[in-house]
């Protein structure tokens, strides 16, 4: 095999390797973008849930919930 063919095949092999690495890099980058978008959505959901938890843990909100469920405050407790 002549040196021209060997160099040509080596060059072609290197080009294919470069193409494969570039393609893998693009696929990984796209996956990372998807994960970053999912992380952002989860952060927004966490913030919303924390705000809802804070609202429900306020004393007046807790008292309203307890009264809806039939509980009475200890200060208004009835003794048998």
PDB file of N, CA and C in Angstrom:
ATOM      1  N   UNK A   1       0.858  -1.171   0.000  1.00  0.00           N
ATOM      2  CA  UNK A   1       0.000   0.000   0.000  1.00  0.00           C
ATOM      3  C   UNK A   1       0.904   1.235   0.000  1.00  0.00           C
ATOM      4  N   UNK A   2       0.591   2.140  -0.830  1.00  0.00           N
ATOM      5  CA  UNK A   2       1.455   3.325  -0.949  1.00  0.00           C
ATOM      6  C   UNK A   2       1.237   4.266   0.231  1.00  0.00           C
ATOM      7  N   UNK A   3       2.233   5.068   0.504  1.00  0.00           N
ATOM      8  CA  UNK A   3       2.116   6.005   1.623  1.00  0.00           C
ATOM      9  C   UNK A   3       0.963   6.994   1.462  1.00  0.00           C
ATOM     10  N   UNK A   4       0.596   7.321   0.255  1.00  0.00           N
ATOM     11  CA  UNK A   4      -0.521   8.253   0.025  1.00  0.00           C
ATOM     12  C   UNK A   4      -1.820   7.633   0.524  1.00  0.00           C
ATOM     13  N   UNK A   5      -2.039   6.365   0.219  1.00  0.00           N
ATOM     14  CA  UNK A   5      -3.249   5.684   0.685  1.00  0.00           C
ATOM     15  C   UNK A   5      -3.261   5.571   2.207  1.00  0.00           C
ATOM     16  N   UNK A   6      -2.115   5.271   2.790  1.00  0.00           N
ATOM     17  CA  UNK A   6      -2.049   5.159   4.256  1.00  0.00           C
ATOM     18  C   UNK A   6      -2.345   6.504   4.915  1.00  0.00           C
ATOM     19  N   UNK A   7      -1.760   7.556   4.396  1.00  0.00           N
ATOM     20  CA  UNK A   7      -2.024   8.889   4.958  1.00  0.00           C
ATOM     21  C   UNK A   7      -3.486   9.292   4.728  1.00  0.00           C
ATOM     22  N   UNK A   8      -4.019   8.951   3.566  1.00  0.00           N
ATOM     23  CA  UNK A   8      -5.417   9.272   3.273  1.00  0.00           C
ATOM     24  C   UNK A   8      -6.359   8.535   4.209  1.00  0.00           C
ATOM     25  N   UNK A   9      -6.102   7.266   4.471  1.00  0.00           N
ATOM     26  CA  UNK A   9      -6.944   6.496   5.405  1.00  0.00           C
ATOM     27  C   UNK A   9      -6.793   6.996   6.841  1.00  0.00           C
ATOM     28  N   UNK A  10      -5.569   7.358   7.192  1.00  0.00           N
ATOM     29  CA  UNK A  10      -5.358   7.909   8.535  1.00  0.00           C
ATOM     30  C   UNK A  10      -6.109   9.231   8.686  1.00  0.00           C
ATOM     31  N   UNK A  11      -6.023  10.071   7.653  1.00  0.00           N
ATOM     32  CA  UNK A  11      -6.738  11.353   7.667  1.00  0.00           C
ATOM     33  C   UNK A  11      -8.238  11.122   7.753  1.00  0.00           C
ATOM     34  N   UNK A  12      -8.757  10.179   6.992  1.00  0.00           N
ATOM     35  CA  UNK A  12     -10.183   9.859   7.019  1.00  0.00           C
ATOM     36  C   UNK A  12     -10.594   9.320   8.385  1.00  0.00           C
ATOM     37  N   UNK A  13      -9.758   8.491   8.981  1.00  0.00           N
ATOM     38  CA  UNK A  13     -10.036   7.973  10.320  1.00  0.00           C
ATOM     39  C   UNK A  13     -10.083   9.081  11.358  1.00  0.00           C
ATOM     40  N   UNK A  14      -9.134  10.011  11.257  1.00  0.00           N
ATOM     41  CA  UNK A  14      -9.124  11.145  12.189  1.00  0.00           C
ATOM     42  C   UNK A  14     -10.353  12.030  12.001  1.00  0.00           C
ATOM     43  N   UNK A  15     -10.769  12.239  10.762  1.00  0.00           N
ATOM     44  CA  UNK A  15     -11.974  13.033  10.511  1.00  0.00           C
ATOM     45  C   UNK A  15     -13.211  12.352  11.099  1.00  0.00           C
ATOM     46  N   UNK A  16     -13.314  11.031  10.931  1.00  0.00           N
ATOM     47  CA  UNK A  16     -14.446  10.299  11.516  1.00  0.00           C
ATOM     48  C   UNK A  16     -14.425  10.371  13.040  1.00  0.00           C
ATOM     49  N   UNK A  17     -13.231  10.264  13.611  1.00  0.00           N
ATOM     50  CA  UNK A  17     -13.112  10.381  15.070  1.00  0.00           C
ATOM     51  C   UNK A  17     -13.542  11.767  15.535  1.00  0.00           C
ATOM     52  N   UNK A  18     -13.103  12.790  14.816  1.00  0.00           N
ATOM     53  CA  UNK A  18     -13.479  14.164  15.161  1.00  0.00           C
ATOM     54  C   UNK A  18     -14.989  14.362  15.036  1.00  0.00           C
ATOM     55  N   UNK A  19     -15.581  13.820  13.985  1.00  0.00           N
ATOM     56  CA  UNK A  19     -17.030  13.910  13.798  1.00  0.00           C
ATOM     57  C   UNK A  19     -17.767  13.209  14.942  1.00  0.00           C
ATOM     58  N   UNK A  20     -17.288  12.019  15.329  1.00  0.00           N
ATOM     59  CA  UNK A  20     -17.942  11.272  16.411  1.00  0.00           C
ATOM     60  C   UNK A  20     -17.848  12.028  17.732  1.00  0.00           C
ATOM     61  N   UNK A  21     -16.693  12.591  18.035  1.00  0.00           N
ATOM     62  CA  UNK A  21     -16.533  13.350  19.277  1.00  0.00           C
ATOM     63  C   UNK A  21     -17.404  14.604  19.279  1.00  0.00           C
ATOM     64  N   UNK A  22     -17.485  15.287  18.150  1.00  0.00           N
ATOM     65  CA  UNK A  22     -18.330  16.482  18.059  1.00  0.00           C
ATOM     66  C   UNK A  22     -19.800  16.129  18.237  1.00  0.00           C
ATOM     67  N   UNK A  23     -20.205  15.027  17.630  1.00  0.00           N
ATOM     68  CA  UNK A  23     -21.605  14.603  17.769  1.00  0.00           C
ATOM     69  C   UNK A  23     -21.914  14.237  19.219  1.00  0.00           C
ATOM     70  N   UNK A  24     -21.002  13.516  19.859  1.00  0.00           N
ATOM     71  CA  UNK A  24     -21.201  13.147  21.265  1.00  0.00           C
ATOM     72  C   UNK A  24     -21.282  14.397  22.136  1.00  0.00           C
ATOM     73  N   UNK A  25     -20.446  15.371  21.847  1.00  0.00           N
ATOM     74  CA  UNK A  25     -20.454  16.623  22.602  1.00  0.00           C
ATOM     75  C   UNK A  25     -21.792  17.340  22.438  1.00  0.00           C
ATOM     76  N   UNK A  26     -22.340  17.374  21.232  1.00  0.00           N
ATOM     77  CA  UNK A  26     -23.629  18.030  21.007  1.00  0.00           C
ATOM     78  C   UNK A  26     -24.756  17.312  21.733  1.00  0.00           C
ATOM     79  N   UNK A  27     -24.730  15.986  21.717  1.00  0.00           N
ATOM     80  CA  UNK A  27     -25.767  15.216  22.405  1.00  0.00           C
ATOM     81  C   UNK A  27     -25.699  15.461  23.909  1.00  0.00           C
ATOM     82  N   UNK A  28     -24.504  15.442  24.462  1.00  0.00           N
ATOM     83  CA  UNK A  28     -24.351  15.689  25.898  1.00  0.00           C
ATOM     84  C   UNK A  28     -24.776  17.107  26.268  1.00  0.00           C
ATOM     85  N   UNK A  29     -24.430  18.068  25.432  1.00  0.00           N
ATOM     86  CA  UNK A  29     -24.797  19.457  25.706  1.00  0.00           C
ATOM     87  C   UNK A  29     -26.318  19.632  25.688  1.00  0.00           C
ATOM     88  N   UNK A  30     -26.968  18.969  24.738  1.00  0.00           N
ATOM     89  CA  UNK A  30     -28.430  19.032  24.668  1.00  0.00           C
ATOM     90  C   UNK A  30     -29.052  18.381  25.906  1.00  0.00           C
ATOM     91  N   UNK A  31     -28.495  17.277  26.358  1.00  0.00           N
ATOM     92  CA  UNK A  31     -28.994  16.623  27.564  1.00  0.00           C
ATOM     93  C   UNK A  31     -28.800  17.515  28.782  1.00  0.00           C
ATOM     94  N   UNK A  32     -27.669  18.198  28.842  1.00  0.00           N
ATOM     95  CA  UNK A  32     -27.407  19.105  29.963  1.00  0.00           C
ATOM     96  C   UNK A  32     -28.393  20.265  29.948  1.00  0.00           C
ATOM     97  N   UNK A  33     -28.693  20.796  28.761  1.00  0.00           N
ATOM     98  CA  UNK A  33     -29.682  21.876  28.677  1.00  0.00           C
ATOM     99  C   UNK A  33     -31.048  21.407  29.175  1.00  0.00           C
ATOM    100  N   UNK A  34     -31.417  20.189  28.816  1.00  0.00           N
ATOM    101  CA  UNK A  34     -32.688  19.637  29.293  1.00  0.00           C
ATOM    102  C   UNK A  34     -32.701  19.480  30.803  1.00  0.00           C
ATOM    103  N   UNK A  35     -31.582  19.018  31.372  1.00  0.00           N
ATOM    104  CA  UNK A  35     -31.495  18.866  32.823  1.00  0.00           C
ATOM    105  C   UNK A  35     -31.524  20.225  33.530  1.00  0.00           C
ATOM    106  N   UNK A  36     -30.878  21.217  32.936  1.00  0.00           N
ATOM    107  CA  UNK A  36     -30.903  22.558  33.535  1.00  0.00           C
ATOM    108  C   UNK A  36     -32.312  23.138  33.520  1.00  0.00           C
ATOM    109  N   UNK A  37     -33.044  22.919  32.433  1.00  0.00           N
ATOM    110  CA  UNK A  37     -34.431  23.391  32.368  1.00  0.00           C
ATOM    111  C   UNK A  37     -35.283  22.681  33.415  1.00  0.00           C
ATOM    112  N   UNK A  38     -35.080  21.378  33.582  1.00  0.00           N
ATOM    113  CA  UNK A  38     -35.824  20.609  34.588  1.00  0.00           C
ATOM    114  C   UNK A  38     -35.478  21.099  35.991  1.00  0.00           C
ATOM    115  N   UNK A  39     -34.198  21.390  36.224  1.00  0.00           N
ATOM    116  CA  UNK A  39     -33.775  21.903  37.527  1.00  0.00           C
ATOM    117  C   UNK A  39     -34.431  23.251  37.817  1.00  0.00           C
ATOM    118  N   UNK A  40     -34.500  24.117  36.817  1.00  0.00           N
ATOM    119  CA  UNK A  40     -35.143  25.421  36.995  1.00  0.00           C
ATOM    120  C   UNK A  40     -36.628  25.246  37.327  1.00  0.00           C
ATOM    121  N   UNK A  41     -37.296  24.336  36.634  1.00  0.00           N
ATOM    122  CA  UNK A  41     -38.714  24.082  36.903  1.00  0.00           C
ATOM    123  C   UNK A  41     -38.898  23.532  38.315  1.00  0.00           C
ATOM    124  N   UNK A  42     -38.004  22.658  38.742  1.00  0.00           N
ATOM    125  CA  UNK A  42     -38.099  22.106  40.096  1.00  0.00           C
ATOM    126  C   UNK A  42     -37.836  23.175  41.158  1.00  0.00           C
ATOM    127  N   UNK A  43     -36.928  24.094  40.881  1.00  0.00           N
ATOM    128  CA  UNK A  43     -36.671  25.187  41.825  1.00  0.00           C
ATOM    129  C   UNK A  43     -37.911  26.074  41.966  1.00  0.00           C
ATOM    130  N   UNK A  44     -38.579  26.363  40.844  1.00  0.00           N
ATOM    131  CA  UNK A  44     -39.804  27.169  40.909  1.00  0.00           C
ATOM    132  C   UNK A  44     -40.896  26.430  41.677  1.00  0.00           C
ATOM    133  N   UNK A  45     -41.005  25.121  41.448  1.00  0.00           N
ATOM    134  CA  UNK A  45     -42.009  24.333  42.158  1.00  0.00           C
ATOM    135  C   UNK A  45     -41.701  24.291  43.655  1.00  0.00           C
ATOM    136  N   UNK A  46     -40.418  24.167  44.001  1.00  0.00           N
ATOM    137  CA  UNK A  46     -40.018  24.159  45.408  1.00  0.00           C
ATOM    138  C   UNK A  46     -40.365  25.489  46.073  1.00  0.00           C
ATOM    139  N   UNK A  47     -40.107  26.580  45.367  1.00  0.00           N
ATOM    140  CA  UNK A  47     -40.418  27.898  45.908  1.00  0.00           C
ATOM    141  C   UNK A  47     -41.924  28.049  46.138  1.00  0.00           C
ATOM    142  N   UNK A  48     -42.720  27.583  45.193  1.00  0.00           N
ATOM    143  CA  UNK A  48     -44.171  27.647  45.330  1.00  0.00           C
ATOM    144  C   UNK A  48     -44.645  26.822  46.521  1.00  0.00           C
ATOM    145  N   UNK A  49     -44.085  25.631  46.673  1.00  0.00           N
ATOM    146  CA  UNK A  49     -44.479  24.766  47.791  1.00  0.00           C
ATOM    147  C   UNK A  49     -44.048  25.355  49.130  1.00  0.00           C
ATOM    148  N   UNK A  50     -42.875  25.971  49.174  1.00  0.00           N
ATOM    149  CA  UNK A  50     -42.430  26.590  50.421  1.00  0.00           C
ATOM    150  C   UNK A  50     -43.334  27.767  50.805  1.00  0.00           C
ATOM    151  N   UNK A  51     -43.757  28.536  49.802  1.00  0.00           N
ATOM    152  CA  UNK A  51     -44.669  29.651  50.088  1.00  0.00           C
ATOM    153  C   UNK A  51     -46.016  29.123  50.589  1.00  0.00           C
ATOM    154  N   UNK A  52     -46.507  28.054  49.974  1.00  0.00           N
ATOM    155  CA  UNK A  52     -47.772  27.464  50.417  1.00  0.00           C
ATOM    156  C   UNK A  52     -47.641  26.920  51.831  1.00  0.00           C
ATOM    157  N   UNK A  53     -46.515  26.287  52.123  1.00  0.00           N
ATOM    158  CA  UNK A  53     -46.282  25.765  53.482  1.00  0.00           C
ATOM    159  C   UNK A  53     -46.254  26.910  54.489  1.00  0.00           C
ATOM    160  N   UNK A  54     -45.589  27.995  54.124  1.00  0.00           N
ATOM    161  CA  UNK A  54     -45.502  29.146  55.019  1.00  0.00           C
ATOM    162  C   UNK A  54     -46.899  29.724  55.286  1.00  0.00           C
ATOM    163  N   UNK A  55     -47.719  29.817  54.237  1.00  0.00           N
ATOM    164  CA  UNK A  55     -49.074  30.346  54.411  1.00  0.00           C
ATOM    165  C   UNK A  55     -49.916  29.438  55.305  1.00  0.00           C
ATOM    166  N   UNK A  56     -49.779  28.126  55.137  1.00  0.00           N
ATOM    167  CA  UNK A  56     -50.581  27.196  55.929  1.00  0.00           C
ATOM    168  C   UNK A  56     -50.092  27.058  57.351  1.00  0.00           C
ATOM    169  N   UNK A  57     -48.849  27.422  57.620  1.00  0.00           N
ATOM    170  CA  UNK A  57     -48.295  27.287  58.962  1.00  0.00           C
ATOM    171  C   UNK A  57     -48.527  28.535  59.812  1.00  0.00           C
ATOM    172  N   UNK A  58     -49.098  29.578  59.229  1.00  0.00           N
ATOM    173  CA  UNK A  58     -49.391  30.774  60.019  1.00  0.00           C
ATOM    174  C   UNK A  58     -50.431  30.427  61.073  1.00  0.00           C
ATOM    175  N   UNK A  59     -50.350  31.027  62.247  1.00  0.00           N
ATOM    176  CA  UNK A  59     -51.276  30.677  63.331  1.00  0.00           C
ATOM    177  C   UNK A  59     -52.745  30.840  62.962  1.00  0.00           C
ATOM    178  N   UNK A  60     -53.109  31.927  62.294  1.00  0.00           N
ATOM    179  CA  UNK A  60     -54.524  32.121  61.961  1.00  0.00           C
ATOM    180  C   UNK A  60     -55.001  31.096  60.935  1.00  0.00           C
ATOM    181  N   UNK A  61     -54.152  30.780  59.971  1.00  0.00           N
ATOM    182  CA  UNK A  61     -54.520  29.761  58.978  1.00  0.00           C
ATOM    183  C   UNK A  61     -54.672  28.407  59.649  1.00  0.00           C
ATOM    184  N   UNK A  62     -53.783  28.122  60.578  1.00  0.00           N
ATOM    185  CA  UNK A  62     -53.845  26.853  61.304  1.00  0.00           C
ATOM    186  C   UNK A  62     -55.102  26.789  62.168  1.00  0.00           C
ATOM    187  N   UNK A  63     -55.456  27.902  62.788  1.00  0.00           N
ATOM    188  CA  UNK A  63     -56.670  27.950  63.605  1.00  0.00           C
ATOM    189  C   UNK A  63     -57.913  27.741  62.739  1.00  0.00           C
ATOM    190  N   UNK A  64     -57.967  28.397  61.572  1.00  0.00           N
ATOM    191  CA  UNK A  64     -59.108  28.198  60.672  1.00  0.00           C
ATOM    192  C   UNK A  64     -59.216  26.748  60.222  1.00  0.00           C
ATOM    193  N   UNK A  65     -58.076  26.122  59.898  1.00  0.00           N
ATOM    194  CA  UNK A  65     -58.086  24.720  59.484  1.00  0.00           C
ATOM    195  C   UNK A  65     -58.587  23.834  60.615  1.00  0.00           C
ATOM    196  N   UNK A  66     -58.119  24.100  61.833  1.00  0.00           N
ATOM    197  CA  UNK A  66     -58.523  23.281  62.973  1.00  0.00           C
ATOM    198  C   UNK A  66     -60.019  23.436  63.245  1.00  0.00           C
ATOM    199  N   UNK A  67     -60.536  24.644  63.124  1.00  0.00           N
ATOM    200  CA  UNK A  67     -61.966  24.849  63.342  1.00  0.00           C
ATOM    201  C   UNK A  67     -62.794  24.158  62.265  1.00  0.00           C
ATOM    202  N   UNK A  68     -62.305  24.143  61.032  1.00  0.00           N
ATOM    203  CA  UNK A  68     -63.020  23.430  59.963  1.00  0.00           C
ATOM    204  C   UNK A  68     -63.045  21.932  60.234  1.00  0.00           C
ATOM    205  N   UNK A  69     -62.008  21.402  60.847  1.00  0.00           N
ATOM    206  CA  UNK A  69     -61.932  19.975  61.143  1.00  0.00           C
ATOM    207  C   UNK A  69     -62.653  19.610  62.439  1.00  0.00           C
ATOM    208  N   UNK A  70     -63.137  20.595  63.158  1.00  0.00           N
ATOM    209  CA  UNK A  70     -63.896  20.330  64.377  1.00  0.00           C
ATOM    210  C   UNK A  70     -63.082  20.420  65.656  1.00  0.00           C
ATOM    211  N   UNK A  71     -61.851  20.828  65.571  1.00  0.00           N
ATOM    212  CA  UNK A  71     -61.038  20.992  66.773  1.00  0.00           C
ATOM    213  C   UNK A  71     -61.357  22.335  67.417  1.00  0.00           C
ATOM    214  N   UNK A  72     -61.183  22.412  68.713  1.00  0.00           N
ATOM    215  CA  UNK A  72     -61.391  23.682  69.404  1.00  0.00           C
ATOM    216  C   UNK A  72     -60.110  24.046  70.136  1.00  0.00           C
ATOM    217  N   UNK A  73     -59.812  25.332  70.277  1.00  0.00           N
ATOM    218  CA  UNK A  73     -58.620  25.747  70.986  1.00  0.00           C
ATOM    219  C   UNK A  73     -58.667  25.312  72.455  1.00  0.00           C
ATOM    220  N   UNK A  74     -57.525  25.085  73.049  1.00  0.00           N
ATOM    221  CA  UNK A  74     -57.464  24.657  74.446  1.00  0.00           C
ATOM    222  C   UNK A  74     -58.066  25.704  75.372  1.00  0.00           C
ATOM    223  N   UNK A  75     -57.950  26.978  75.002  1.00  0.00           N
ATOM    224  CA  UNK A  75     -58.482  28.042  75.858  1.00  0.00           C
ATOM    225  C   UNK A  75     -59.999  27.995  75.894  1.00  0.00           C
ATOM    226  N   UNK A  76     -60.636  27.367  74.904  1.00  0.00           N
ATOM    227  CA  UNK A  76     -62.092  27.243  74.871  1.00  0.00           C
ATOM    228  C   UNK A  76     -62.531  25.823  75.156  1.00  0.00           C
ATOM    229  N   UNK A  77     -61.625  25.035  75.714  1.00  0.00           N
ATOM    230  CA  UNK A  77     -61.910  23.628  75.947  1.00  0.00           C
ATOM    231  C   UNK A  77     -63.101  23.434  76.882  1.00  0.00           C
ATOM    232  N   UNK A  78     -63.836  22.386  76.655  1.00  0.00           N
ATOM    233  CA  UNK A  78     -64.994  22.092  77.499  1.00  0.00           C
ATOM    234  C   UNK A  78     -64.661  20.864  78.341  1.00  0.00           C
ATOM    235  N   UNK A  79     -64.908  20.997  79.614  1.00  0.00           N
ATOM    236  CA  UNK A  79     -64.647  19.874  80.518  1.00  0.00           C
ATOM    237  C   UNK A  79     -65.937  19.098  80.711  1.00  0.00           C
ATOM    238  N   UNK A  80     -65.859  17.787  80.748  1.00  0.00           N
ATOM    239  CA  UNK A  80     -67.094  17.013  80.962  1.00  0.00           C
ATOM    240  C   UNK A  80     -67.648  17.145  82.358  1.00  0.00           C
TER     241      UNK A  80
END
